[in-house]
Amino acid sequence: MADKIQTRREVSRPNLVVGIGASAGGFEAIANFLEHIEAGHGLALIVVFHLDAQTPNLLPSLLAKSTPLQVVEAIDGMDLS
């Protein structure tokens, strides 16, 4: 059990940043992928969808239902920690 405990420093900075992109029709594939990613691996996943900018963005809340990872909407200049 002790080997599964991570310090704040280990959790706060990703070891690897992975970008994933899809059109609006790719939601199901991205959600399926995220279902198989476990938290605590030091990954920052950046998911980008091609969507109409005028449409309200419900994707963070929808994707959060598919993964144990924290899901937030990115903003310009956001820190990945």
N, C-alpha and C. Protein backbone atom coordinates (compact mmCIF):
# COMPACT_ATOMS: atom_id res chain seq x y z
N MET A 1 0.81 -1.19 0.00
CA MET A 1 0.00 0.00 0.00
C MET A 1 0.86 1.26 0.00
N ALA A 2 1.98 1.23 0.69
CA ALA A 2 2.84 2.41 0.77
C ALA A 2 3.34 2.83 -0.60
N ASP A 3 3.53 1.88 -1.52
CA ASP A 3 4.02 2.24 -2.84
C ASP A 3 2.97 2.98 -3.67
N LYS A 4 1.72 2.98 -3.25
CA LYS A 4 0.67 3.67 -3.99
C LYS A 4 0.44 5.09 -3.49
N ILE A 5 1.08 5.46 -2.37
CA ILE A 5 0.94 6.81 -1.83
C ILE A 5 1.87 7.73 -2.61
N GLN A 6 1.30 8.84 -3.10
CA GLN A 6 2.09 9.80 -3.86
C GLN A 6 2.21 11.09 -3.07
N THR A 7 3.36 11.72 -3.16
CA THR A 7 3.51 13.01 -2.51
C THR A 7 2.82 14.08 -3.36
N ARG A 8 2.59 15.23 -2.76
CA ARG A 8 1.96 16.33 -3.48
C ARG A 8 2.77 16.71 -4.72
N ARG A 9 4.09 16.69 -4.59
CA ARG A 9 4.94 17.06 -5.73
C ARG A 9 4.74 16.09 -6.89
N GLU A 10 4.62 14.79 -6.61
CA GLU A 10 4.43 13.81 -7.66
C GLU A 10 3.09 14.00 -8.37
N VAL A 11 2.09 14.40 -7.62
CA VAL A 11 0.76 14.57 -8.20
C VAL A 11 0.64 15.91 -8.90
N SER A 12 1.33 16.93 -8.41
CA SER A 12 1.10 18.28 -8.89
C SER A 12 1.66 18.56 -10.29
N ARG A 13 2.67 17.87 -10.72
CA ARG A 13 3.26 18.10 -12.04
C ARG A 13 3.18 16.83 -12.87
N PRO A 14 2.60 16.91 -14.07
CA PRO A 14 2.54 15.72 -14.91
C PRO A 14 3.92 15.36 -15.45
N ASN A 15 4.17 14.07 -15.58
CA ASN A 15 5.41 13.60 -16.19
C ASN A 15 5.31 13.63 -17.70
N LEU A 16 4.09 13.56 -18.20
CA LEU A 16 3.86 13.47 -19.64
C LEU A 16 2.57 14.21 -19.97
N VAL A 17 2.60 14.98 -21.05
CA VAL A 17 1.41 15.67 -21.54
C VAL A 17 1.01 15.00 -22.85
N VAL A 18 -0.24 14.55 -22.93
CA VAL A 18 -0.75 13.84 -24.10
C VAL A 18 -1.91 14.64 -24.68
N GLY A 19 -1.83 14.95 -25.96
CA GLY A 19 -2.91 15.65 -26.65
C GLY A 19 -3.75 14.68 -27.46
N ILE A 20 -5.07 14.82 -27.35
CA ILE A 20 -6.01 13.98 -28.08
C ILE A 20 -7.03 14.90 -28.73
N GLY A 21 -7.26 14.73 -30.01
CA GLY A 21 -8.23 15.58 -30.70
C GLY A 21 -9.28 14.76 -31.42
N ALA A 22 -10.47 15.35 -31.56
CA ALA A 22 -11.56 14.67 -32.26
C ALA A 22 -12.57 15.70 -32.73
N SER A 23 -13.35 15.30 -33.70
CA SER A 23 -14.49 16.12 -34.09
C SER A 23 -15.60 15.87 -33.08
N ALA A 24 -16.69 16.58 -33.20
CA ALA A 24 -17.81 16.41 -32.27
C ALA A 24 -18.30 14.96 -32.28
N GLY A 25 -18.19 14.28 -33.39
CA GLY A 25 -18.62 12.89 -33.49
C GLY A 25 -17.71 11.91 -32.80
N GLY A 26 -16.56 12.37 -32.30
CA GLY A 26 -15.60 11.49 -31.66
C GLY A 26 -15.77 11.38 -30.16
N PHE A 27 -16.84 11.96 -29.63
CA PHE A 27 -17.03 11.95 -28.18
C PHE A 27 -17.04 10.54 -27.61
N GLU A 28 -17.77 9.64 -28.21
CA GLU A 28 -17.89 8.28 -27.68
C GLU A 28 -16.53 7.58 -27.64
N ALA A 29 -15.72 7.77 -28.67
CA ALA A 29 -14.39 7.15 -28.70
C ALA A 29 -13.50 7.72 -27.60
N ILE A 30 -13.54 9.04 -27.39
CA ILE A 30 -12.73 9.67 -26.35
C ILE A 30 -13.20 9.20 -24.97
N ALA A 31 -14.51 9.17 -24.75
CA ALA A 31 -15.05 8.72 -23.47
C ALA A 31 -14.65 7.27 -23.20
N ASN A 32 -14.70 6.43 -24.21
CA ASN A 32 -14.29 5.03 -24.07
C ASN A 32 -12.81 4.94 -23.71
N PHE A 33 -11.99 5.72 -24.35
CA PHE A 33 -10.55 5.75 -24.05
C PHE A 33 -10.32 6.15 -22.59
N LEU A 34 -10.98 7.22 -22.15
CA LEU A 34 -10.79 7.72 -20.80
C LEU A 34 -11.25 6.74 -19.73
N GLU A 35 -12.21 5.90 -20.06
CA GLU A 35 -12.67 4.89 -19.10
C GLU A 35 -11.55 3.95 -18.69
N HIS A 36 -10.54 3.81 -19.54
CA HIS A 36 -9.46 2.85 -19.30
C HIS A 36 -8.18 3.50 -18.78
N ILE A 37 -8.21 4.78 -18.49
CA ILE A 37 -7.05 5.47 -17.95
C ILE A 37 -7.24 5.62 -16.45
N GLU A 38 -6.30 5.11 -15.67
CA GLU A 38 -6.37 5.20 -14.22
C GLU A 38 -5.70 6.48 -13.74
N ALA A 39 -6.18 7.00 -12.65
CA ALA A 39 -5.57 8.19 -12.04
C ALA A 39 -4.24 7.81 -11.42
N GLY A 40 -3.36 8.80 -11.27
CA GLY A 40 -2.11 8.59 -10.57
C GLY A 40 -0.94 8.16 -11.42
N HIS A 41 -1.05 8.28 -12.73
CA HIS A 41 0.05 7.88 -13.60
C HIS A 41 0.92 9.05 -14.03
N GLY A 42 0.66 10.24 -13.53
CA GLY A 42 1.48 11.39 -13.88
C GLY A 42 1.22 11.91 -15.27
N LEU A 43 0.03 11.68 -15.81
CA LEU A 43 -0.33 12.15 -17.14
C LEU A 43 -1.20 13.39 -17.07
N ALA A 44 -1.00 14.30 -18.00
CA ALA A 44 -1.94 15.38 -18.24
C ALA A 44 -2.51 15.12 -19.63
N LEU A 45 -3.78 14.86 -19.71
CA LEU A 45 -4.43 14.61 -20.99
C LEU A 45 -5.14 15.87 -21.43
N ILE A 46 -4.77 16.36 -22.59
CA ILE A 46 -5.42 17.54 -23.16
C ILE A 46 -6.32 17.03 -24.27
N VAL A 47 -7.62 17.18 -24.09
CA VAL A 47 -8.61 16.70 -25.06
C VAL A 47 -9.19 17.90 -25.78
N VAL A 48 -9.11 17.88 -27.10
CA VAL A 48 -9.59 18.99 -27.91
C VAL A 48 -10.65 18.47 -28.87
N PHE A 49 -11.81 19.13 -28.85
CA PHE A 49 -12.88 18.79 -29.77
C PHE A 49 -13.11 19.95 -30.72
N HIS A 50 -13.43 19.65 -31.96
CA HIS A 50 -13.79 20.66 -32.94
C HIS A 50 -15.29 20.91 -32.80
N LEU A 51 -15.62 22.03 -32.15
CA LEU A 51 -17.01 22.37 -31.87
C LEU A 51 -17.30 23.81 -32.23
N ASP A 52 -18.55 24.14 -32.38
CA ASP A 52 -18.99 25.51 -32.61
C ASP A 52 -18.72 26.32 -31.34
N ALA A 53 -18.01 27.43 -31.48
CA ALA A 53 -17.65 28.26 -30.33
C ALA A 53 -18.87 28.88 -29.66
N GLN A 54 -19.98 28.97 -30.35
CA GLN A 54 -21.19 29.57 -29.80
C GLN A 54 -22.02 28.59 -28.97
N THR A 55 -21.68 27.30 -29.04
CA THR A 55 -22.44 26.28 -28.32
C THR A 55 -21.90 26.17 -26.89
N PRO A 56 -22.79 26.10 -25.89
CA PRO A 56 -22.31 25.92 -24.50
C PRO A 56 -21.49 24.63 -24.39
N ASN A 57 -20.40 24.70 -23.64
CA ASN A 57 -19.50 23.56 -23.52
C ASN A 57 -19.91 22.67 -22.35
N LEU A 58 -20.53 21.56 -22.65
CA LEU A 58 -20.93 20.58 -21.65
C LEU A 58 -19.93 19.43 -21.55
N LEU A 59 -18.90 19.47 -22.39
CA LEU A 59 -17.96 18.35 -22.46
C LEU A 59 -17.25 18.02 -21.14
N PRO A 60 -16.77 19.01 -20.38
CA PRO A 60 -16.10 18.63 -19.13
C PRO A 60 -17.00 17.80 -18.21
N SER A 61 -18.23 18.18 -18.06
CA SER A 61 -19.12 17.41 -17.16
C SER A 61 -19.47 16.05 -17.76
N LEU A 62 -19.60 15.98 -19.07
CA LEU A 62 -19.89 14.69 -19.71
C LEU A 62 -18.70 13.75 -19.64
N LEU A 63 -17.50 14.27 -19.90
CA LEU A 63 -16.30 13.43 -19.84
C LEU A 63 -16.00 12.99 -18.42
N ALA A 64 -16.31 13.83 -17.44
CA ALA A 64 -16.05 13.47 -16.04
C ALA A 64 -16.81 12.22 -15.62
N LYS A 65 -17.90 11.93 -16.29
CA LYS A 65 -18.67 10.72 -15.98
C LYS A 65 -17.98 9.45 -16.49
N SER A 66 -16.98 9.62 -17.37
CA SER A 66 -16.32 8.48 -18.00
C SER A 66 -14.97 8.13 -17.38
N THR A 67 -14.51 8.92 -16.42
CA THR A 67 -13.15 8.72 -15.93
C THR A 67 -13.00 9.12 -14.47
N PRO A 68 -12.08 8.47 -13.76
CA PRO A 68 -11.79 8.89 -12.40
C PRO A 68 -10.87 10.11 -12.36
N LEU A 69 -10.35 10.51 -13.50
CA LEU A 69 -9.46 11.66 -13.57
C LEU A 69 -10.22 12.96 -13.34
N GLN A 70 -9.52 13.98 -12.86
CA GLN A 70 -10.12 15.29 -12.72
C GLN A 70 -10.29 15.88 -14.12
N VAL A 71 -11.45 16.40 -14.42
CA VAL A 71 -11.72 16.99 -15.73
C VAL A 71 -12.06 18.47 -15.54
N VAL A 72 -11.31 19.33 -16.20
CA VAL A 72 -11.57 20.76 -16.15
C VAL A 72 -11.46 21.33 -17.56
N GLU A 73 -12.16 22.43 -17.79
CA GLU A 73 -12.03 23.11 -19.07
C GLU A 73 -10.78 23.97 -19.03
N ALA A 74 -9.94 23.82 -20.01
CA ALA A 74 -8.68 24.56 -20.06
C ALA A 74 -8.94 26.00 -20.49
N ILE A 75 -8.11 26.88 -19.96
CA ILE A 75 -8.11 28.27 -20.38
C ILE A 75 -6.69 28.64 -20.77
N ASP A 76 -6.55 29.64 -21.59
CA ASP A 76 -5.24 30.08 -22.07
C ASP A 76 -4.32 30.40 -20.90
N GLY A 77 -3.12 29.84 -20.91
CA GLY A 77 -2.12 30.10 -19.88
C GLY A 77 -2.28 29.25 -18.62
N MET A 78 -3.22 28.32 -18.63
CA MET A 78 -3.47 27.50 -17.44
C MET A 78 -2.27 26.62 -17.11
N ASP A 79 -1.95 26.52 -15.81
CA ASP A 79 -0.90 25.65 -15.33
C ASP A 79 -1.43 24.21 -15.30
N LEU A 80 -0.62 23.25 -15.68
CA LEU A 80 -1.05 21.86 -15.72
C LEU A 80 -0.93 21.13 -14.40
N SER A 81 -0.52 21.80 -13.36
CA SER A 81 -0.40 21.12 -12.06
C SER A 81 -1.74 20.94 -11.40
